[in-house]
Amino acid sequence: MLVNGIWQSKWDPVQKKDAEGRFVRQSSAFRDSVSAERVNAVVSQQKQALGVKLYVAYICPWATRTLIARSLLGLEEYIPISVVEPVLSDYGWKFGDFPGSTATDHESFEYMHQLYTRSDAEYTGRATVPVLWDVEQELILNNESEDIVRLFNRDLRPLHRSEVDLLPVTLEQQIISFNERIYESLNNGVYKAGFASSQGAYEEAYAEVFRTLDWLEAHFAEQRFAVGEQLTESDIRLFVTLVRFDPAYFSLFKTNRQRISDYSNISAYLERLLQISAFAKNTRVDHIKAGYYSIQALNPNGIVPAGPELDWYSYLEELS
């Protein structure tokens, strides 16, 4: 991580832990939006470009949230992306020649932490993705995936005018409640299991993961979507964890009671979402497996498993 703008030691997957060995995730530091004036200038064609860029990793579920939203809302022509390699280096996220990544010579820096210090020379914290970057001012606008998805949906609506509304007012409280229900127990819960540093912390997280999956299996016996009768941001939040579960979390993070493919209703839900282009094309299984299984603390020999053999998994491999 960075301390006062200086990179300190090697990258470590465990950001922080409490006294009982529970994994603790870092909070995002940059929480700004794109100004209405800038958006309106593009809409009125006073400006040719929005002047922002999105930095992402296909391995990262939080970054993939923003990619799916960008595609769903028709923002690809307005917001270019740069993709880091899936394998984290000793200096964190970097650019390179892994298929689907952005080559180093296409950027003015090699590591994401250099982007952070370009924005704030005294920055202290982890250099995470996603990052919404202000190209004109060379500043990080936002590095919180929840914010980025919502500003794409609402703040940039004058640009995309999409029929898709990921946070409709009529469902907002239900969406917030659903998001809270799955975040600590599942989205972050798999990480709390995988990066636990005590048996008790692991078992606690493990139990929460499967308590939530059992609840979701019952939920999708009645529901086609996470909330209401339409696609919302809750579907994006849930999808990015479900699609990584069997290829990575089940074995590497020791969340191995059941696979997603063992849940008939959740599997059907996952396959429904994969029929939507925005979900399928932003899911790179090659990046997911290469990235997670490169974590030496969990997989010292770096061997990437050949499986699992799943219908939807094979389909995505063909897209990669």
C-alpha atoms as a PDB file:
ATOM      1  CA  MET A   1       0.000   0.000   0.000  1.00  0.00           C
ATOM      2  CA  LEU A   2       0.952   3.662  -0.166  1.00  0.00           C
ATOM      3  CA  VAL A   3       1.986   5.668   2.889  1.00  0.00           C
ATOM      4  CA  ASN A   4       2.285   9.416   2.284  1.00  0.00           C
ATOM      5  CA  GLY A   5       2.689   8.710  -1.413  1.00  0.00           C
ATOM      6  CA  ILE A   6       5.442   6.098  -0.992  1.00  0.00           C
ATOM      7  CA  TRP A   7       4.898   2.411  -1.786  1.00  0.00           C
ATOM      8  CA  GLN A   8       5.519   0.264   1.282  1.00  0.00           C
ATOM      9  CA  SER A   9       6.551  -3.430   1.104  1.00  0.00           C
ATOM     10  CA  LYS A  10       4.905  -6.053  -1.117  1.00  0.00           C
ATOM     11  CA  TRP A  11       1.221  -6.297  -1.964  1.00  0.00           C
ATOM     12  CA  ASP A  12      -0.698  -8.214   0.697  1.00  0.00           C
ATOM     13  CA  PRO A  13      -4.249  -9.550   0.143  1.00  0.00           C
ATOM     14  CA  VAL A  14      -5.162  -9.028   3.803  1.00  0.00           C
ATOM     15  CA  GLN A  15      -5.870  -5.333   4.147  1.00  0.00           C
ATOM     16  CA  LYS A  16      -6.517  -5.369   7.875  1.00  0.00           C
ATOM     17  CA  LYS A  17      -7.778  -7.774  10.534  1.00  0.00           C
ATOM     18  CA  ASP A  18      -9.409  -7.444  13.914  1.00  0.00           C
ATOM     19  CA  ALA A  19      -8.319  -9.024  17.192  1.00  0.00           C
ATOM     20  CA  GLU A  20     -10.252 -12.234  16.396  1.00  0.00           C
ATOM     21  CA  GLY A  21      -8.634 -12.685  12.983  1.00  0.00           C
ATOM     22  CA  ARG A  22     -11.525 -11.333  10.911  1.00  0.00           C
ATOM     23  CA  PHE A  23     -10.701  -9.792   7.531  1.00  0.00           C
ATOM     24  CA  VAL A  24     -11.470  -6.031   7.447  1.00  0.00           C
ATOM     25  CA  ARG A  25     -11.911  -4.223   4.115  1.00  0.00           C
ATOM     26  CA  GLN A  26     -10.561  -0.720   3.473  1.00  0.00           C
ATOM     27  CA  SER A  27     -13.037   2.099   2.822  1.00  0.00           C
ATOM     28  CA  SER A  28     -12.882   4.070  -0.427  1.00  0.00           C
ATOM     29  CA  ALA A  29     -11.195   7.480  -0.272  1.00  0.00           C
ATOM     30  CA  PHE A  30     -12.473   9.329  -3.359  1.00  0.00           C
ATOM     31  CA  ARG A  31     -16.208   9.997  -3.574  1.00  0.00           C
ATOM     32  CA  ASP A  32     -16.786  12.757  -6.163  1.00  0.00           C
ATOM     33  CA  SER A  33     -19.021  12.751  -9.244  1.00  0.00           C
ATOM     34  CA  VAL A  34     -18.984  14.158 -12.767  1.00  0.00           C
ATOM     35  CA  SER A  35     -20.332  17.707 -12.741  1.00  0.00           C
ATOM     36  CA  ALA A  36     -23.727  18.419 -14.261  1.00  0.00           C
ATOM     37  CA  GLU A  37     -22.100  21.218 -16.275  1.00  0.00           C
ATOM     38  CA  ARG A  38     -19.743  18.748 -17.935  1.00  0.00           C
ATOM     39  CA  VAL A  39     -22.548  16.303 -18.701  1.00  0.00           C
ATOM     40  CA  ASN A  40     -24.760  19.038 -20.129  1.00  0.00           C
ATOM     41  CA  ALA A  41     -21.916  20.352 -22.273  1.00  0.00           C
ATOM     42  CA  VAL A  42     -21.621  16.955 -23.959  1.00  0.00           C
ATOM     43  CA  VAL A  43     -25.392  16.635 -24.353  1.00  0.00           C
ATOM     44  CA  SER A  44     -25.566  20.057 -26.017  1.00  0.00           C
ATOM     45  CA  GLN A  45     -22.460  19.171 -28.070  1.00  0.00           C
ATOM     46  CA  GLN A  46     -20.464  22.068 -26.684  1.00  0.00           C
ATOM     47  CA  LYS A  47     -17.904  19.393 -25.791  1.00  0.00           C
ATOM     48  CA  GLN A  48     -16.921  16.344 -27.823  1.00  0.00           C
ATOM     49  CA  ALA A  49     -16.051  14.104 -24.880  1.00  0.00           C
ATOM     50  CA  LEU A  50     -16.997  13.648 -21.247  1.00  0.00           C
ATOM     51  CA  GLY A  51     -13.335  13.643 -20.242  1.00  0.00           C
ATOM     52  CA  VAL A  52     -13.413  10.707 -17.843  1.00  0.00           C
ATOM     53  CA  LYS A  53     -11.963   7.213 -17.973  1.00  0.00           C
ATOM     54  CA  LEU A  54     -12.657   4.028 -16.026  1.00  0.00           C
ATOM     55  CA  TYR A  55      -9.803   1.864 -14.703  1.00  0.00           C
ATOM     56  CA  VAL A  56     -10.849  -1.701 -13.948  1.00  0.00           C
ATOM     57  CA  ALA A  57      -9.771  -5.300 -13.388  1.00  0.00           C
ATOM     58  CA  TYR A  58     -11.850  -8.164 -14.779  1.00  0.00           C
ATOM     59  CA  ILE A  59     -10.874 -10.310 -11.802  1.00  0.00           C
ATOM     60  CA  CYS A  60     -12.325  -7.781  -9.353  1.00  0.00           C
ATOM     61  CA  PRO A  61     -16.062  -8.114  -8.573  1.00  0.00           C
ATOM     62  CA  TRP A  62     -16.322  -4.465  -7.482  1.00  0.00           C
ATOM     63  CA  ALA A  63     -14.791  -3.228 -10.746  1.00  0.00           C
ATOM     64  CA  THR A  64     -16.977  -5.596 -12.754  1.00  0.00           C
ATOM     65  CA  ARG A  65     -20.056  -3.957 -11.205  1.00  0.00           C
ATOM     66  CA  THR A  66     -19.091  -0.721 -12.942  1.00  0.00           C
ATOM     67  CA  LEU A  67     -18.346  -2.443 -16.240  1.00  0.00           C
ATOM     68  CA  ILE A  68     -21.751  -4.128 -16.317  1.00  0.00           C
ATOM     69  CA  ALA A  69     -23.519  -0.861 -15.483  1.00  0.00           C
ATOM     70  CA  ARG A  70     -21.526   0.963 -18.168  1.00  0.00           C
ATOM     71  CA  SER A  71     -22.653  -1.579 -20.769  1.00  0.00           C
ATOM     72  CA  LEU A  72     -26.268  -1.824 -19.605  1.00  0.00           C
ATOM     73  CA  LEU A  73     -26.700   1.948 -19.689  1.00  0.00           C
ATOM     74  CA  GLY A  74     -25.091   2.511 -23.081  1.00  0.00           C
ATOM     75  CA  LEU A  75     -22.119   4.483 -21.769  1.00  0.00           C
ATOM     76  CA  GLU A  76     -19.359   2.626 -23.604  1.00  0.00           C
ATOM     77  CA  GLU A  77     -19.029   5.364 -26.235  1.00  0.00           C
ATOM     78  CA  TYR A  78     -18.650   8.039 -23.549  1.00  0.00           C
ATOM     79  CA  ILE A  79     -16.391   6.315 -21.006  1.00  0.00           C
ATOM     80  CA  PRO A  80     -13.293   4.473 -22.267  1.00  0.00           C
ATOM     81  CA  ILE A  81     -11.680   1.845 -20.067  1.00  0.00           C
ATOM     82  CA  SER A  82      -8.214   0.619 -19.193  1.00  0.00           C
ATOM     83  CA  VAL A  83      -7.818  -2.897 -17.813  1.00  0.00           C
ATOM     84  CA  VAL A  84      -5.064  -4.015 -15.452  1.00  0.00           C
ATOM     85  CA  GLU A  85      -3.632  -7.524 -15.521  1.00  0.00           C
ATOM     86  CA  PRO A  86      -5.376 -10.089 -13.299  1.00  0.00           C
ATOM     87  CA  VAL A  87      -2.208 -11.142 -11.492  1.00  0.00           C
ATOM     88  CA  LEU A  88      -1.289  -8.649  -8.794  1.00  0.00           C
ATOM     89  CA  SER A  89       2.397  -7.771  -8.683  1.00  0.00           C
ATOM     90  CA  ASP A  90       4.443  -6.923  -5.592  1.00  0.00           C
ATOM     91  CA  TYR A  91       3.483  -3.328  -6.405  1.00  0.00           C
ATOM     92  CA  GLY A  92      -0.217  -3.992  -6.818  1.00  0.00           C
ATOM     93  CA  TRP A  93      -2.298  -3.721  -9.986  1.00  0.00           C
ATOM     94  CA  LYS A  94      -0.265  -3.232 -13.173  1.00  0.00           C
ATOM     95  CA  PHE A  95      -0.699  -3.050 -16.920  1.00  0.00           C
ATOM     96  CA  GLY A  96       0.828  -5.624 -19.244  1.00  0.00           C
ATOM     97  CA  ASP A  97       0.299  -8.208 -21.954  1.00  0.00           C
ATOM     98  CA  PHE A  98      -2.184 -10.629 -20.368  1.00  0.00           C
ATOM     99  CA  PRO A  99      -4.956 -11.164 -22.988  1.00  0.00           C
ATOM    100  CA  GLY A 100      -7.683  -8.591 -22.511  1.00  0.00           C
ATOM    101  CA  SER A 101      -5.489  -6.240 -20.473  1.00  0.00           C
ATOM    102  CA  THR A 102      -4.246  -2.805 -21.487  1.00  0.00           C
ATOM    103  CA  ALA A 103      -0.607  -2.773 -22.570  1.00  0.00           C
ATOM    104  CA  THR A 104       1.818  -0.736 -20.472  1.00  0.00           C
ATOM    105  CA  ASP A 105       2.841   1.389 -23.473  1.00  0.00           C
ATOM    106  CA  HIS A 106      -0.779   2.557 -23.837  1.00  0.00           C
ATOM    107  CA  GLU A 107      -0.596   4.256 -20.435  1.00  0.00           C
ATOM    108  CA  SER A 108       1.736   6.890 -19.019  1.00  0.00           C
ATOM    109  CA  PHE A 109       2.468   4.728 -15.963  1.00  0.00           C
ATOM    110  CA  GLU A 110       2.904   1.019 -15.176  1.00  0.00           C
ATOM    111  CA  TYR A 111       1.168   0.577 -11.809  1.00  0.00           C
ATOM    112  CA  MET A 112      -2.186   1.771 -10.494  1.00  0.00           C
ATOM    113  CA  HIS A 113      -0.524   3.193  -7.392  1.00  0.00           C
ATOM    114  CA  GLN A 114       1.194   5.717  -9.684  1.00  0.00           C
ATOM    115  CA  LEU A 115      -2.232   6.961 -10.776  1.00  0.00           C
ATOM    116  CA  TYR A 116      -3.169   7.473  -7.131  1.00  0.00           C
ATOM    117  CA  THR A 117      -0.073   9.544  -6.385  1.00  0.00           C
ATOM    118  CA  ARG A 118      -0.573  11.539  -9.563  1.00  0.00           C
ATOM    119  CA  SER A 119      -3.941  12.513  -8.126  1.00  0.00           C
ATOM    120  CA  ASP A 120      -2.674  12.955  -4.548  1.00  0.00           C
ATOM    121  CA  ALA A 121       1.073  13.008  -3.972  1.00  0.00           C
ATOM    122  CA  GLU A 122       0.595  12.304  -0.254  1.00  0.00           C
ATOM    123  CA  TYR A 123      -2.032   9.560  -0.579  1.00  0.00           C
ATOM    124  CA  THR A 124      -2.079   6.872   2.118  1.00  0.00           C
ATOM    125  CA  GLY A 125      -4.033   3.683   1.463  1.00  0.00           C
ATOM    126  CA  ARG A 126      -4.440   0.871  -1.020  1.00  0.00           C
ATOM    127  CA  ALA A 127      -4.467   1.560  -4.760  1.00  0.00           C
ATOM    128  CA  THR A 128      -7.711  -0.217  -5.668  1.00  0.00           C
ATOM    129  CA  VAL A 129      -9.951  -0.558  -8.704  1.00  0.00           C
ATOM    130  CA  PRO A 130     -12.353   0.611 -10.014  1.00  0.00           C
ATOM    131  CA  VAL A 131     -11.208   4.178 -10.477  1.00  0.00           C
ATOM    132  CA  LEU A 132     -13.165   6.858 -12.309  1.00  0.00           C
ATOM    133  CA  TRP A 133     -10.457   9.200 -13.551  1.00  0.00           C
ATOM    134  CA  ASP A 134     -10.819  12.833 -14.614  1.00  0.00           C
ATOM    135  CA  VAL A 135      -8.706  12.949 -17.766  1.00  0.00           C
ATOM    136  CA  GLU A 136      -8.821  16.740 -18.019  1.00  0.00           C
ATOM    137  CA  GLN A 137      -7.710  17.541 -14.456  1.00  0.00           C
ATOM    138  CA  GLU A 138      -5.697  14.334 -13.864  1.00  0.00           C
ATOM    139  CA  LEU A 139      -7.550  13.555 -10.651  1.00  0.00           C
ATOM    140  CA  ILE A 140      -9.356  10.545  -9.233  1.00  0.00           C
ATOM    141  CA  LEU A 141     -13.039  11.389  -9.093  1.00  0.00           C
ATOM    142  CA  ASN A 142     -14.218   8.218  -7.423  1.00  0.00           C
ATOM    143  CA  ASN A 143     -12.946   4.775  -6.407  1.00  0.00           C
ATOM    144  CA  GLU A 144     -16.121   3.405  -4.819  1.00  0.00           C
ATOM    145  CA  SER A 145     -18.026   0.997  -7.055  1.00  0.00           C
ATOM    146  CA  GLU A 146     -21.403   1.752  -5.458  1.00  0.00           C
ATOM    147  CA  ASP A 147     -20.983   5.462  -6.180  1.00  0.00           C
ATOM    148  CA  ILE A 148     -19.788   4.878  -9.737  1.00  0.00           C
ATOM    149  CA  VAL A 149     -22.722   2.622 -10.621  1.00  0.00           C
ATOM    150  CA  ARG A 150     -25.177   5.160  -9.212  1.00  0.00           C
ATOM    151  CA  LEU A 151     -23.627   8.171 -10.896  1.00  0.00           C
ATOM    152  CA  PHE A 152     -23.689   6.236 -14.187  1.00  0.00           C
ATOM    153  CA  ASN A 153     -27.364   5.506 -13.600  1.00  0.00           C
ATOM    154  CA  ARG A 154     -28.536   8.919 -12.394  1.00  0.00           C
ATOM    155  CA  ASP A 155     -25.935  11.652 -12.943  1.00  0.00           C
ATOM    156  CA  LEU A 156     -25.203  10.571 -16.514  1.00  0.00           C
ATOM    157  CA  ARG A 157     -28.835   9.894 -17.459  1.00  0.00           C
ATOM    158  CA  PRO A 158     -28.971  13.038 -19.643  1.00  0.00           C
ATOM    159  CA  LEU A 159     -26.279  11.326 -21.749  1.00  0.00           C
ATOM    160  CA  HIS A 160     -27.564   7.779 -22.052  1.00  0.00           C
ATOM    161  CA  ARG A 161     -31.329   8.280 -21.549  1.00  0.00           C
ATOM    162  CA  SER A 162     -31.512   4.527 -21.020  1.00  0.00           C
ATOM    163  CA  GLU A 163     -34.762   2.660 -20.441  1.00  0.00           C
ATOM    164  CA  VAL A 164     -32.835   0.747 -17.779  1.00  0.00           C
ATOM    165  CA  ASP A 165     -33.063   2.264 -14.291  1.00  0.00           C
ATOM    166  CA  LEU A 166     -30.841   0.424 -11.831  1.00  0.00           C
ATOM    167  CA  LEU A 167     -32.186   2.292  -8.807  1.00  0.00           C
ATOM    168  CA  PRO A 168     -35.827   3.244  -9.435  1.00  0.00           C
ATOM    169  CA  VAL A 169     -37.323   5.404  -6.710  1.00  0.00           C
ATOM    170  CA  THR A 170     -40.219   3.006  -6.200  1.00  0.00           C
ATOM    171  CA  LEU A 171     -37.834   0.154  -5.333  1.00  0.00           C
ATOM    172  CA  GLU A 172     -35.003   2.104  -3.721  1.00  0.00           C
ATOM    173  CA  GLN A 173     -35.583   1.037  -0.112  1.00  0.00           C
ATOM    174  CA  GLN A 174     -36.047  -2.600  -1.116  1.00  0.00           C
ATOM    175  CA  ILE A 175     -32.845  -2.447  -3.146  1.00  0.00           C
ATOM    176  CA  ILE A 176     -30.888  -0.924  -0.275  1.00  0.00           C
ATOM    177  CA  SER A 177     -32.217  -3.596   2.107  1.00  0.00           C
ATOM    178  CA  PHE A 178     -31.331  -6.404  -0.315  1.00  0.00           C
ATOM    179  CA  ASN A 179     -27.840  -4.979  -0.852  1.00  0.00           C
ATOM    180  CA  GLU A 180     -27.259  -4.807   2.889  1.00  0.00           C
ATOM    181  CA  ARG A 181     -28.526  -8.377   3.294  1.00  0.00           C
ATOM    182  CA  ILE A 182     -25.996  -9.820   0.842  1.00  0.00           C
ATOM    183  CA  TYR A 183     -22.968  -7.547   1.271  1.00  0.00           C
ATOM    184  CA  GLU A 184     -21.334  -8.572   4.559  1.00  0.00           C
ATOM    185  CA  SER A 185     -22.612 -12.125   4.462  1.00  0.00           C
ATOM    186  CA  LEU A 186     -21.842 -12.991   0.814  1.00  0.00           C
ATOM    187  CA  ASN A 187     -20.150 -10.321  -1.351  1.00  0.00           C
ATOM    188  CA  ASN A 188     -17.599  -9.602   1.361  1.00  0.00           C
ATOM    189  CA  GLY A 189     -18.369 -12.811   3.236  1.00  0.00           C
ATOM    190  CA  VAL A 190     -16.421 -15.000   0.819  1.00  0.00           C
ATOM    191  CA  TYR A 191     -13.386 -12.777   1.392  1.00  0.00           C
ATOM    192  CA  LYS A 192     -13.872 -12.934   5.157  1.00  0.00           C
ATOM    193  CA  ALA A 193     -13.772 -16.720   4.861  1.00  0.00           C
ATOM    194  CA  GLY A 194     -10.855 -16.833   2.426  1.00  0.00           C
ATOM    195  CA  PHE A 195      -8.664 -14.341   4.268  1.00  0.00           C
ATOM    196  CA  ALA A 196      -9.591 -15.278   7.834  1.00  0.00           C
ATOM    197  CA  SER A 197      -6.550 -15.688  10.052  1.00  0.00           C
ATOM    198  CA  SER A 198      -8.236 -17.795  12.735  1.00  0.00           C
ATOM    199  CA  GLN A 199     -10.418 -20.891  12.649  1.00  0.00           C
ATOM    200  CA  GLY A 200     -13.204 -19.113  14.491  1.00  0.00           C
ATOM    201  CA  ALA A 201     -13.270 -16.178  12.064  1.00  0.00           C
ATOM    202  CA  TYR A 202     -13.326 -18.578   9.108  1.00  0.00           C
ATOM    203  CA  GLU A 203     -16.166 -20.704  10.477  1.00  0.00           C
ATOM    204  CA  GLU A 204     -18.197 -17.609  11.317  1.00  0.00           C
ATOM    205  CA  ALA A 205     -17.852 -16.260   7.767  1.00  0.00           C
ATOM    206  CA  TYR A 206     -18.422 -19.695   6.200  1.00  0.00           C
ATOM    207  CA  ALA A 207     -21.712 -20.102   8.086  1.00  0.00           C
ATOM    208  CA  GLU A 208     -22.902 -16.663   6.947  1.00  0.00           C
ATOM    209  CA  VAL A 209     -22.068 -17.374   3.299  1.00  0.00           C
ATOM    210  CA  PHE A 210     -24.194 -20.501   3.207  1.00  0.00           C
ATOM    211  CA  ARG A 211     -26.961 -19.068   5.341  1.00  0.00           C
ATOM    212  CA  THR A 212     -27.312 -16.373   2.695  1.00  0.00           C
ATOM    213  CA  LEU A 213     -27.082 -18.783  -0.234  1.00  0.00           C
ATOM    214  CA  ASP A 214     -29.793 -20.957   1.313  1.00  0.00           C
ATOM    215  CA  TRP A 215     -31.955 -17.846   1.676  1.00  0.00           C
ATOM    216  CA  LEU A 216     -31.294 -16.878  -1.952  1.00  0.00           C
ATOM    217  CA  GLU A 217     -32.228 -20.356  -3.164  1.00  0.00           C
ATOM    218  CA  ALA A 218     -35.640 -19.942  -1.536  1.00  0.00           C
ATOM    219  CA  HIS A 219     -35.868 -16.327  -2.766  1.00  0.00           C
ATOM    220  CA  PHE A 220     -35.362 -17.304  -6.415  1.00  0.00           C
ATOM    221  CA  ALA A 221     -37.983 -20.011  -6.210  1.00  0.00           C
ATOM    222  CA  GLU A 222     -40.424 -17.075  -6.377  1.00  0.00           C
ATOM    223  CA  GLN A 223     -38.379 -14.244  -7.958  1.00  0.00           C
ATOM    224  CA  ARG A 224     -36.842 -13.818 -11.413  1.00  0.00           C
ATOM    225  CA  PHE A 225     -34.810 -10.808 -10.290  1.00  0.00           C
ATOM    226  CA  ALA A 226     -33.241  -9.837  -6.993  1.00  0.00           C
ATOM    227  CA  VAL A 227     -35.774  -7.091  -6.249  1.00  0.00           C
ATOM    228  CA  GLY A 228     -39.157  -6.509  -7.861  1.00  0.00           C
ATOM    229  CA  GLU A 229     -39.879  -7.480 -11.445  1.00  0.00           C
ATOM    230  CA  GLN A 230     -36.995  -5.720 -13.166  1.00  0.00           C
ATOM    231  CA  LEU A 231     -33.239  -5.665 -13.392  1.00  0.00           C
ATOM    232  CA  THR A 232     -31.627  -3.433 -10.738  1.00  0.00           C
ATOM    233  CA  GLU A 233     -28.241  -2.732  -9.222  1.00  0.00           C
ATOM    234  CA  SER A 234     -28.917  -5.557  -6.741  1.00  0.00           C
ATOM    235  CA  ASP A 235     -28.699  -8.052  -9.601  1.00  0.00           C
ATOM    236  CA  ILE A 236     -25.307  -6.672 -10.590  1.00  0.00           C
ATOM    237  CA  ARG A 237     -24.053  -6.853  -6.993  1.00  0.00           C
ATOM    238  CA  LEU A 238     -25.195 -10.434  -6.572  1.00  0.00           C
ATOM    239  CA  PHE A 239     -24.096 -11.629 -10.007  1.00  0.00           C
ATOM    240  CA  VAL A 240     -20.436 -10.683  -9.635  1.00  0.00           C
ATOM    241  CA  THR A 241     -20.105 -12.891  -6.561  1.00  0.00           C
ATOM    242  CA  LEU A 242     -22.153 -15.812  -7.878  1.00  0.00           C
ATOM    243  CA  VAL A 243     -20.238 -16.022 -11.153  1.00  0.00           C
ATOM    244  CA  ARG A 244     -16.898 -16.228  -9.293  1.00  0.00           C
ATOM    245  CA  PHE A 245     -18.046 -18.730  -6.714  1.00  0.00           C
ATOM    246  CA  ASP A 246     -17.529 -22.081  -8.437  1.00  0.00           C
ATOM    247  CA  PRO A 247     -14.342 -21.139 -10.361  1.00  0.00           C
ATOM    248  CA  ALA A 248     -12.597 -19.502  -7.380  1.00  0.00           C
ATOM    249  CA  TYR A 249     -14.306 -19.056  -4.025  1.00  0.00           C
ATOM    250  CA  PHE A 250     -15.511 -22.653  -3.590  1.00  0.00           C
ATOM    251  CA  SER A 251     -12.015 -24.097  -3.485  1.00  0.00           C
ATOM    252  CA  LEU A 252      -9.573 -21.253  -2.917  1.00  0.00           C
ATOM    253  CA  PHE A 253     -11.594 -19.490  -0.216  1.00  0.00           C
ATOM    254  CA  LYS A 254     -12.703 -22.784   1.374  1.00  0.00           C
ATOM    255  CA  THR A 255     -16.417 -21.968   0.979  1.00  0.00           C
ATOM    256  CA  ASN A 256     -16.917 -25.561  -0.036  1.00  0.00           C
ATOM    257  CA  ARG A 257     -20.188 -26.844   1.400  1.00  0.00           C
ATOM    258  CA  GLN A 258     -21.942 -26.469  -1.944  1.00  0.00           C
ATOM    259  CA  ARG A 259     -21.269 -24.964  -5.348  1.00  0.00           C
ATOM    260  CA  ILE A 260     -23.634 -22.528  -7.012  1.00  0.00           C
ATOM    261  CA  SER A 261     -24.316 -25.274  -9.546  1.00  0.00           C
ATOM    262  CA  ASP A 262     -25.756 -27.329  -6.676  1.00  0.00           C
ATOM    263  CA  TYR A 263     -28.482 -24.705  -6.116  1.00  0.00           C
ATOM    264  CA  SER A 264     -31.079 -25.144  -8.857  1.00  0.00           C
ATOM    265  CA  ASN A 265     -32.871 -21.812  -8.409  1.00  0.00           C
ATOM    266  CA  ILE A 266     -29.720 -19.711  -8.022  1.00  0.00           C
ATOM    267  CA  SER A 267     -28.186 -21.468 -11.035  1.00  0.00           C
ATOM    268  CA  ALA A 268     -31.238 -20.686 -13.144  1.00  0.00           C
ATOM    269  CA  TYR A 269     -31.043 -17.050 -12.037  1.00  0.00           C
ATOM    270  CA  LEU A 270     -27.338 -16.860 -12.890  1.00  0.00           C
ATOM    271  CA  GLU A 271     -27.977 -18.317 -16.330  1.00  0.00           C
ATOM    272  CA  ARG A 272     -30.786 -15.789 -16.930  1.00  0.00           C
ATOM    273  CA  LEU A 273     -28.396 -12.930 -16.281  1.00  0.00           C
ATOM    274  CA  LEU A 274     -25.744 -14.472 -18.521  1.00  0.00           C
ATOM    275  CA  GLN A 275     -28.202 -14.255 -21.410  1.00  0.00           C
ATOM    276  CA  ILE A 276     -27.856 -10.465 -21.104  1.00  0.00           C
ATOM    277  CA  SER A 277     -24.851  -9.273 -23.095  1.00  0.00           C
ATOM    278  CA  ALA A 278     -23.688  -6.715 -20.516  1.00  0.00           C
ATOM    279  CA  PHE A 279     -23.214  -9.476 -17.935  1.00  0.00           C
ATOM    280  CA  ALA A 280     -21.639 -12.059 -20.222  1.00  0.00           C
ATOM    281  CA  LYS A 281     -19.137  -9.888 -22.065  1.00  0.00           C
ATOM    282  CA  ASN A 282     -17.799  -8.298 -18.871  1.00  0.00           C
ATOM    283  CA  THR A 283     -17.148 -11.663 -17.219  1.00  0.00           C
ATOM    284  CA  ARG A 284     -13.661 -12.910 -18.087  1.00  0.00           C
ATOM    285  CA  VAL A 285     -13.152 -16.352 -16.579  1.00  0.00           C
ATOM    286  CA  ASP A 286      -9.525 -16.412 -17.721  1.00  0.00           C
ATOM    287  CA  HIS A 287      -8.856 -13.262 -15.663  1.00  0.00           C
ATOM    288  CA  ILE A 288     -10.836 -14.543 -12.681  1.00  0.00           C
ATOM    289  CA  LYS A 289      -8.942 -17.815 -12.433  1.00  0.00           C
ATOM    290  CA  ALA A 290      -5.513 -16.401 -13.243  1.00  0.00           C
ATOM    291  CA  GLY A 291      -5.952 -13.642 -10.681  1.00  0.00           C
ATOM    292  CA  TYR A 292      -7.363 -15.485  -7.712  1.00  0.00           C
ATOM    293  CA  TYR A 293      -5.084 -18.508  -8.028  1.00  0.00           C
ATOM    294  CA  SER A 294      -2.042 -16.244  -8.218  1.00  0.00           C
ATOM    295  CA  ILE A 295      -2.546 -15.215  -4.568  1.00  0.00           C
ATOM    296  CA  GLN A 296       0.515 -16.867  -3.027  1.00  0.00           C
ATOM    297  CA  ALA A 297      -0.806 -16.663   0.518  1.00  0.00           C
ATOM    298  CA  LEU A 298      -3.617 -19.024  -0.526  1.00  0.00           C
ATOM    299  CA  ASN A 299      -2.033 -20.923  -3.426  1.00  0.00           C
ATOM    300  CA  PRO A 300       1.787 -20.952  -3.020  1.00  0.00           C
ATOM    301  CA  ASN A 301       2.506 -22.964  -6.182  1.00  0.00           C
ATOM    302  CA  GLY A 302       0.275 -20.824  -8.386  1.00  0.00           C
ATOM    303  CA  ILE A 303      -1.400 -23.801 -10.069  1.00  0.00           C
ATOM    304  CA  VAL A 304      -4.602 -22.759 -11.854  1.00  0.00           C
ATOM    305  CA  PRO A 305      -7.258 -25.518 -11.850  1.00  0.00           C
ATOM    306  CA  ALA A 306      -8.523 -26.812 -15.194  1.00  0.00           C
ATOM    307  CA  GLY A 307     -12.178 -27.013 -14.058  1.00  0.00           C
ATOM    308  CA  PRO A 308     -14.916 -26.752 -13.140  1.00  0.00           C
ATOM    309  CA  GLU A 309     -16.874 -28.032 -16.129  1.00  0.00           C
ATOM    310  CA  LEU A 310     -20.118 -26.076 -16.143  1.00  0.00           C
ATOM    311  CA  ASP A 311     -22.371 -25.180 -19.056  1.00  0.00           C
ATOM    312  CA  TRP A 312     -22.287 -21.437 -18.401  1.00  0.00           C
ATOM    313  CA  TYR A 313     -18.565 -21.574 -17.632  1.00  0.00           C
ATOM    314  CA  SER A 314     -17.714 -23.186 -20.959  1.00  0.00           C
ATOM    315  CA  TYR A 315     -19.819 -20.560 -22.710  1.00  0.00           C
ATOM    316  CA  LEU A 316     -17.883 -17.746 -21.087  1.00  0.00           C
ATOM    317  CA  GLU A 317     -14.558 -19.356 -21.918  1.00  0.00           C
ATOM    318  CA  GLU A 318     -15.613 -19.257 -25.579  1.00  0.00           C
ATOM    319  CA  LEU A 319     -16.272 -15.506 -25.239  1.00  0.00           C
ATOM    320  CA  SER A 320     -12.864 -14.837 -23.624  1.00  0.00           C
END
